[in-house]
Protein backbone atom coordinates (compact mmCIF):
# COMPACT_ATOMS: atom_id res chain seq x y z
CA MET A 1 28.94 -14.01 26.67
CA ALA A 2 29.58 -17.74 26.13
CA GLN A 3 33.24 -17.26 25.26
CA ASP A 4 33.81 -15.61 28.65
CA LYS A 5 32.02 -18.23 30.74
CA VAL A 6 34.14 -20.44 33.01
CA TYR A 7 32.72 -23.93 33.29
CA SER A 8 33.01 -25.87 36.55
CA ALA A 9 34.29 -29.46 36.47
CA ALA A 10 34.58 -32.50 38.73
CA ILE A 11 36.71 -35.60 38.20
CA ILE A 12 35.67 -39.07 39.33
CA GLY A 13 38.82 -41.19 39.52
CA LEU A 14 42.18 -39.62 40.42
CA GLY A 15 44.45 -42.48 39.35
CA ARG A 16 46.59 -42.80 36.22
CA ILE A 17 44.42 -41.33 33.48
CA GLY A 18 42.64 -39.14 36.01
CA TYR A 19 45.82 -37.55 37.37
CA SER A 20 49.22 -39.24 37.59
CA LEU A 21 49.96 -39.64 33.85
CA GLY A 22 50.12 -35.88 33.89
CA LEU A 23 53.40 -36.24 35.77
CA ASP A 24 55.03 -38.53 33.19
CA LYS A 25 58.03 -36.57 31.84
CA LYS A 26 58.27 -38.68 28.68
CA ARG A 27 54.66 -38.21 27.59
CA GLU A 28 53.37 -35.26 25.65
CA GLN A 29 51.55 -33.15 28.21
CA PRO A 30 48.85 -32.71 29.27
CA ALA A 31 48.37 -36.48 29.54
CA SER A 32 45.66 -36.78 32.18
CA HIS A 33 42.17 -35.40 32.67
CA THR A 34 43.28 -33.28 35.63
CA MET A 35 46.15 -31.62 33.79
CA ALA A 36 44.12 -31.07 30.61
CA LEU A 37 41.29 -29.43 32.54
CA LEU A 38 43.74 -27.30 34.52
CA ALA A 39 45.44 -26.14 31.33
CA ASN A 40 42.21 -24.71 29.92
CA SER A 41 41.45 -21.21 31.21
CA ARG A 42 37.75 -21.72 30.56
CA ILE A 43 37.47 -24.49 33.18
CA LYS A 44 37.70 -24.54 36.96
CA ILE A 45 38.01 -27.88 38.75
CA VAL A 46 35.85 -27.72 41.88
CA ALA A 47 36.02 -31.30 43.15
CA GLY A 48 37.58 -34.71 42.77
CA CYS A 49 36.63 -38.19 43.92
CA ASP A 50 38.55 -41.40 44.50
CA LYS A 51 38.23 -44.34 46.86
CA ASN A 52 41.96 -44.23 47.49
CA THR A 53 42.49 -41.33 49.89
CA GLU A 54 46.27 -41.57 49.43
CA THR A 55 45.84 -39.71 46.14
CA PHE A 56 44.19 -36.69 47.77
CA ALA A 57 47.21 -34.80 49.09
CA ASP A 58 49.16 -34.73 45.81
CA TRP A 59 46.05 -34.04 43.76
CA GLN A 60 45.01 -31.12 45.94
CA LYS A 61 48.47 -29.59 45.62
CA ALA A 62 47.92 -29.53 41.86
CA VAL A 63 44.28 -28.46 42.08
CA LYS A 64 44.27 -25.81 44.78
CA GLY A 65 40.95 -25.16 46.47
CA ALA A 66 39.17 -28.22 45.10
CA ALA A 67 37.20 -30.46 47.46
CA VAL A 68 37.79 -34.21 47.63
CA TYR A 69 35.40 -37.09 48.25
CA THR A 70 35.50 -40.86 48.49
CA ASP A 71 31.93 -41.21 47.21
CA SER A 72 30.66 -39.53 44.04
CA SER A 73 27.09 -39.34 45.38
CA GLU A 74 28.34 -37.11 48.20
CA LEU A 75 30.19 -34.97 45.68
CA TYR A 76 26.97 -34.43 43.70
CA ARG A 77 25.08 -33.49 46.85
CA ASN A 78 27.54 -30.66 47.43
CA HIS A 79 28.35 -29.56 43.87
CA ALA A 80 26.57 -29.13 40.55
CA PRO A 81 29.46 -29.06 38.05
CA ASP A 82 28.95 -28.21 34.39
CA ILE A 83 31.33 -31.02 33.39
CA ILE A 84 31.78 -34.38 35.09
CA THR A 85 34.74 -36.50 33.98
CA ILE A 86 34.59 -40.26 34.59
CA ALA A 87 38.14 -41.65 34.79
CA VAL A 88 37.61 -44.89 36.71
CA ASN A 89 38.40 -48.50 35.81
CA GLU A 90 36.23 -50.14 33.15
CA SER A 91 34.40 -52.22 35.75
CA ALA A 92 33.02 -49.03 37.34
CA HIS A 93 32.06 -47.21 34.12
CA LEU A 94 28.40 -48.21 34.19
CA ASN A 95 27.64 -47.19 37.77
CA GLU A 96 29.70 -44.00 37.76
CA ALA A 97 28.53 -42.89 34.32
CA ILE A 98 24.87 -43.28 35.26
CA ARG A 99 25.45 -41.53 38.61
CA ALA A 100 27.08 -38.65 36.77
CA ILE A 101 24.34 -38.46 34.14
CA ASN A 102 21.65 -38.51 36.83
CA ALA A 103 23.36 -35.49 38.43
CA LYS A 104 22.45 -33.66 35.20
CA PRO A 105 25.62 -31.78 34.32
CA ARG A 106 25.85 -30.05 30.96
CA LEU A 107 28.37 -32.64 29.74
CA VAL A 108 29.88 -35.95 30.85
CA ILE A 109 33.38 -36.85 29.66
CA LEU A 110 33.68 -40.65 29.79
CA GLU A 111 37.05 -42.39 29.59
CA LYS A 112 37.23 -45.14 26.96
CA PRO A 113 35.92 -47.79 26.47
CA VAL A 114 32.28 -46.81 26.92
CA ALA A 115 31.59 -49.87 29.05
CA LEU A 116 32.52 -53.52 29.57
CA ASN A 117 29.96 -54.62 26.98
CA MET A 118 27.12 -53.39 24.79
CA LYS A 119 24.47 -54.30 27.36
CA GLU A 120 26.02 -51.81 29.80
CA ALA A 121 26.65 -49.26 27.03
CA LEU A 122 22.96 -49.30 26.10
CA LEU A 123 22.04 -48.56 29.74
CA ILE A 124 24.37 -45.55 29.68
CA LYS A 125 22.82 -44.42 26.39
CA GLU A 126 19.33 -44.79 27.86
CA ALA A 127 20.28 -42.65 30.87
CA SER A 128 21.92 -40.06 28.61
CA GLU A 129 18.82 -39.71 26.46
CA LYS A 130 16.42 -39.73 29.42
CA ASN A 131 18.28 -36.93 31.19
CA ASN A 132 19.30 -35.10 28.02
CA VAL A 133 22.95 -35.20 29.10
CA PRO A 134 25.47 -35.54 26.23
CA VAL A 135 28.52 -37.79 26.63
CA LEU A 136 31.96 -37.21 25.14
CA VAL A 137 34.07 -40.40 24.99
CA ASN A 138 37.83 -39.94 25.32
CA HIS A 139 39.02 -41.81 22.25
CA GLU A 140 41.96 -39.45 22.16
CA ARG A 141 43.20 -39.96 18.61
CA ARG A 142 40.06 -38.33 17.22
CA PHE A 143 41.43 -35.09 18.70
CA SER A 144 45.05 -35.60 17.66
CA GLU A 145 46.60 -33.19 15.15
CA ASP A 146 48.69 -35.88 13.43
CA TYR A 147 45.68 -38.16 12.87
CA ALA A 148 43.73 -35.18 11.52
CA ALA A 149 46.55 -34.48 9.04
CA ALA A 150 46.65 -38.16 8.05
CA LYS A 151 42.89 -38.29 7.45
CA LYS A 152 43.03 -35.13 5.34
CA PHE A 153 45.80 -36.73 3.25
CA LEU A 154 43.59 -39.74 2.44
CA SER A 155 42.04 -37.72 -0.38
CA GLU A 156 45.49 -37.69 -2.02
CA ILE A 157 46.16 -41.44 -2.09
CA GLY A 158 43.46 -42.59 -4.52
CA GLU A 159 41.16 -45.52 -3.86
CA LEU A 160 41.85 -47.52 -0.73
CA GLN A 161 43.32 -50.93 -1.52
CA GLU A 162 44.37 -52.21 1.89
CA ILE A 163 44.37 -51.22 5.55
CA LYS A 164 46.54 -52.81 8.20
CA ALA A 165 45.79 -51.83 11.80
CA GLY A 166 48.01 -53.32 14.50
CA LEU A 167 48.23 -53.31 18.28
CA TYR A 168 51.19 -54.99 19.99
CA SER A 169 51.57 -55.42 23.76
CA ALA A 170 52.20 -58.01 26.48
CA LEU A 171 48.60 -57.97 27.75
CA ALA A 172 46.45 -60.97 26.77
CA VAL A 173 44.14 -60.20 23.86
CA TYR A 174 41.32 -61.89 25.74
CA ASN A 175 41.08 -63.52 29.15
CA ALA A 176 37.69 -64.88 30.18
CA GLU A 177 38.65 -64.45 33.84
CA GLU A 178 38.81 -60.68 33.32
CA GLU A 179 35.33 -60.23 31.82
CA LYS A 180 34.23 -58.25 34.88
CA THR A 181 37.30 -56.00 34.91
CA GLY A 182 37.99 -55.45 31.20
CA ALA A 183 41.70 -56.10 31.80
CA TYR A 184 42.43 -57.54 28.36
CA SER A 185 43.80 -55.72 25.33
CA LEU A 186 40.93 -56.39 22.91
CA LEU A 187 38.85 -54.04 25.06
CA HIS A 188 41.37 -51.91 26.94
CA ASP A 189 43.49 -50.76 23.97
CA GLY A 190 41.63 -52.44 21.12
CA THR A 191 38.87 -49.87 21.53
CA HIS A 192 41.36 -47.18 20.42
CA LEU A 193 42.44 -49.24 17.40
CA VAL A 194 38.89 -49.92 16.22
CA ASP A 195 37.71 -46.37 16.89
CA ILE A 196 40.51 -44.73 14.91
CA LEU A 197 40.01 -47.23 12.08
CA LEU A 198 36.35 -46.17 11.96
CA TYR A 199 37.50 -42.54 12.06
CA PHE A 200 39.47 -43.04 8.86
CA LEU A 201 36.63 -44.91 7.17
CA GLU A 202 33.80 -42.60 8.19
CA ASP A 203 32.42 -40.40 5.47
CA GLN A 204 32.32 -36.80 6.62
CA LYS A 205 28.86 -36.25 5.12
CA SER A 206 27.31 -39.38 6.61
CA PRO A 207 29.24 -40.42 9.73
CA SER A 208 29.17 -44.00 10.94
CA ASN A 209 26.30 -44.79 13.27
CA LEU A 210 24.90 -47.82 14.90
CA ILE A 211 21.84 -48.53 12.78
CA GLN A 212 18.75 -50.20 14.16
CA ILE A 213 16.64 -52.37 11.85
CA PRO A 214 13.68 -54.71 12.50
CA GLU A 215 14.77 -58.24 13.33
CA LYS A 216 13.07 -60.33 10.63
CA GLU A 217 15.21 -63.43 10.51
CA PRO A 218 16.96 -64.08 13.84
CA GLY A 219 20.48 -65.35 13.41
CA LYS A 220 20.75 -64.48 9.73
CA GLY A 221 22.53 -61.65 8.02
CA LYS A 222 20.81 -59.31 5.61
CA LYS A 223 22.45 -57.44 2.76
CA GLU A 224 21.20 -54.02 1.70
CA GLY A 225 23.17 -52.20 -0.96
CA ASN A 226 26.83 -52.04 0.02
CA ASP A 227 26.24 -52.70 3.72
CA ILE A 228 26.18 -56.05 5.46
CA PHE A 229 23.96 -56.09 8.53
CA PHE A 230 24.76 -58.67 11.18
CA LYS A 231 22.76 -59.93 14.11
CA ASN A 232 24.00 -58.58 17.40
CA ASP A 233 23.37 -60.18 20.79
CA SER A 234 22.82 -56.72 22.26
CA SER A 235 19.14 -56.34 21.34
CA ASP A 236 16.93 -53.81 23.07
CA ASN A 237 13.25 -54.01 23.98
CA SER A 238 12.02 -52.42 20.75
CA GLY A 239 12.31 -55.59 18.67
CA LYS A 240 15.23 -54.12 16.80
CA ILE A 241 18.87 -55.16 16.76
CA THR A 242 21.98 -53.05 16.91
CA VAL A 243 24.30 -53.38 13.92
CA ASN A 244 27.28 -51.58 12.45
CA SER A 245 27.36 -50.66 8.78
CA ILE A 246 31.11 -50.37 8.15
CA LEU A 247 32.96 -53.34 9.66
CA ASN A 248 31.17 -56.60 10.26
CA ARG A 249 31.41 -60.38 9.74
CA PRO A 250 35.16 -60.68 10.36
CA GLU A 251 37.15 -63.74 9.37
CA LEU A 252 39.46 -64.59 12.27
CA THR A 253 42.91 -65.97 11.50
CA GLY A 254 46.29 -66.25 13.20
CA ILE A 255 44.77 -67.25 16.53
CA VAL A 256 47.33 -68.10 19.22
CA ARG A 257 46.54 -69.16 22.79
CA ASP A 258 48.93 -69.74 25.68
CA GLU A 259 49.09 -72.80 27.92
CA PHE A 260 46.41 -71.31 30.17
CA GLY A 261 43.95 -70.85 27.33
CA LYS A 262 44.32 -67.06 27.17
CA LEU A 263 44.09 -65.60 23.68
CA ARG A 264 47.45 -64.07 22.78
CA GLN A 265 47.03 -63.20 19.10
CA VAL A 266 44.22 -62.69 16.60
CA ASN A 267 43.71 -61.13 13.19
CA ALA A 268 40.24 -60.01 12.09
CA PHE A 269 39.90 -59.66 8.32
CA TYR A 270 37.10 -57.58 6.76
CA ARG A 271 35.88 -56.94 3.23
CA THR A 272 34.02 -53.66 2.92
CA HIS A 273 32.66 -51.42 0.17
CA LEU A 274 35.09 -48.75 1.39
CA CYS A 275 38.20 -50.94 1.28
CA PRO A 276 38.36 -54.54 0.00
CA SER A 277 41.03 -55.66 2.49
CA VAL A 278 41.03 -54.55 6.12
CA ASN A 279 43.17 -56.38 8.67
CA LEU A 280 42.82 -55.70 12.38
CA PHE A 281 45.71 -57.41 14.18
CA ILE A 282 46.09 -57.58 17.96
CA SER A 283 48.99 -59.29 19.71
CA GLY A 284 49.48 -59.99 23.39
CA ARG A 285 52.81 -61.74 22.82
CA SER A 286 55.03 -58.69 22.36
CA LYS A 287 57.76 -57.37 24.61
CA PHE A 288 56.97 -53.85 23.47
CA PHE A 289 53.94 -51.59 23.03
CA GLN A 290 53.10 -50.38 19.53
CA PHE A 291 50.00 -48.94 17.90
CA GLU A 292 49.96 -48.37 14.14
CA LEU A 293 47.90 -48.10 10.96
CA VAL A 294 48.97 -48.39 7.33
CA LEU A 295 46.43 -47.27 4.73
CA THR A 296 47.49 -47.97 1.14
CA GLY A 297 45.66 -46.41 -1.79
CA THR A 298 46.16 -46.62 -5.54
CA GLU A 299 48.24 -43.43 -5.51
CA GLY A 300 49.85 -43.25 -2.08
CA ARG A 301 50.07 -44.42 1.49
CA VAL A 302 49.52 -43.21 5.06
CA CYS A 303 51.58 -44.71 7.90
CA ILE A 304 50.77 -43.50 11.39
CA GLY A 305 51.34 -44.78 14.90
CA ASN A 306 52.62 -43.82 18.32
CA GLY A 307 55.21 -41.13 17.73
CA TYR A 308 55.20 -40.95 13.93
CA CYS A 309 53.16 -39.97 10.88
CA LYS A 310 54.53 -40.60 7.39
CA LEU A 311 52.71 -39.71 4.17
CA TYR A 312 53.65 -41.03 0.70
CA ARG A 313 52.69 -40.29 -2.92
CA SER A 314 53.25 -42.19 -6.11
CA GLU A 315 55.97 -40.36 -8.03
CA GLU A 316 58.58 -41.07 -10.67
CA SER A 317 60.86 -43.65 -9.11
CA PRO A 318 64.34 -42.64 -7.92
CA LEU A 319 65.26 -46.35 -8.10
CA TYR A 320 64.01 -47.61 -11.47
CA GLU A 321 63.53 -46.13 -14.94
CA ARG A 322 59.95 -45.96 -16.26
CA PHE A 323 58.51 -46.92 -12.84
CA HIS A 324 56.71 -45.07 -10.08
CA SER A 325 57.50 -45.57 -6.40
CA LEU A 326 56.09 -44.35 -3.11
CA VAL A 327 57.99 -41.20 -2.16
CA SER A 328 57.68 -39.32 1.11
CA ASP A 329 55.62 -36.16 0.69
CA LYS A 330 57.65 -33.39 2.34
CA SER A 331 55.13 -30.70 1.45
CA VAL A 332 52.71 -31.71 4.21
CA SER A 333 53.55 -30.28 7.61
CA ILE A 334 53.19 -32.86 10.39
CA PRO A 335 52.59 -31.17 13.75
CA LYS A 336 55.30 -31.75 16.35
CA LYS A 337 52.70 -31.86 19.12
CA THR A 338 49.52 -33.86 18.73
CA LEU A 339 47.58 -31.80 21.34
CA TYR A 340 45.34 -34.85 21.79
CA PHE A 341 44.19 -34.15 25.37
CA SER A 342 44.13 -30.38 25.01
CA ASN A 343 42.00 -30.60 21.88
CA MET A 344 39.56 -32.94 23.60
CA ILE A 345 38.94 -30.36 26.33
CA LYS A 346 38.75 -27.55 23.74
CA ASN A 347 36.06 -29.53 21.93
CA ALA A 348 34.16 -29.93 25.20
CA VAL A 349 34.27 -26.17 25.83
CA ALA A 350 33.31 -25.33 22.24
CA PHE A 351 30.40 -27.77 22.52
CA LEU A 352 29.16 -26.09 25.68
CA ASP A 353 29.54 -22.74 23.92
CA GLY A 354 27.28 -24.07 21.15
CA LYS A 355 30.02 -23.74 18.54
CA GLU A 356 30.98 -27.38 17.79
CA GLU A 357 29.56 -30.87 17.79
CA LEU A 358 31.27 -33.52 19.90
CA ARG A 359 34.07 -35.08 17.90
CA SER A 360 33.97 -38.32 19.89
CA SER A 361 30.46 -39.13 21.02
CA LEU A 362 28.77 -41.89 22.96
CA GLN A 363 27.54 -43.14 19.57
CA THR A 364 31.00 -43.45 18.01
CA GLY A 365 32.27 -45.12 21.19
CA MET A 366 29.46 -47.66 20.99
CA ASN A 367 30.28 -48.29 17.33
CA ALA A 368 33.76 -49.44 18.34
CA LEU A 369 32.38 -51.56 21.17
CA ALA A 370 29.94 -53.33 18.83
CA ILE A 371 32.80 -54.36 16.55
CA LEU A 372 34.90 -55.63 19.47
CA GLU A 373 31.96 -57.67 20.74
CA GLU A 374 31.44 -59.33 17.36
CA ILE A 375 35.11 -60.30 17.23
CA LYS A 376 34.86 -61.75 20.74
CA ARG A 377 31.79 -63.80 19.86
CA ARG A 378 33.75 -65.52 17.09
CA PHE A 379 36.68 -66.74 19.24
């Protein structure tokens, strides 16, 4: 029976997200692909791969009996795992993802972002469709219990008036010199911010997709109903262009560059039919790391970020007579553990069992990447 089957797994990349973050005593565990796979009784890790052989000894102590390789092609010649996890640097996503897909496992788990750019992402999508190999993208907050509770609470706050999404770190927002590595926050962490913003805006009955339409007027936008379609540089060979139907045509403000020309701050403002004011703010000037979203409706508010989730309703004010104020809703239970990595692996297993759809797909990952690319084109 499917629920009794143990699925074999291999991990490509045994560095931070692949392994060592699972040793961080301050993080909620499991916090790495290795530890999350090990924690699931339905999965057996059979092999790992990394170019740095210094990682092998510690990793094999944690994953007893697993083989190790310095080349993923050799791993695939010796093993046929059900699941292949790609946990390498962004610059290697394209090659390793396609290698994994060509090995024809039942599922590929791909660390975020999908790729360095949409051109590479489309190649991964082409390989996925050609080989009929589904891809789960590890945008972890889609699996997090606190974000699920926050999204459920959106139905209680009335019509959305404003969304503020912020990412604060010391890493440059964009650095042209790092195009080939992806070592800039717009891509590296911005993909999380955009993806979870889309998660909150997606309608459950008609989830956000990249829509392809015939290119009639190159370089011009086209409005259809409530959606604005924008031209995207990432065109394919079908004569169609890839567009996103939720967030597009941002107005960039608050741009700050350092003395070396690196972008250190930007705010992308959107008007949408779902919310008239959406601000996506990314800073690379901060001496701290913070990730947060504030969604304000006509009857309440959701505030969520790293380490907290606060939900508010409009109630009779404790401060003023004949006024209403936002008051913390104590009736909603916020989970103490987010279970973000554990739930991702549970979703993978349930998908292989034929019981669930992927909650973070290659498509949703590409949606986020398309938005990031449009912002970048407007710098």
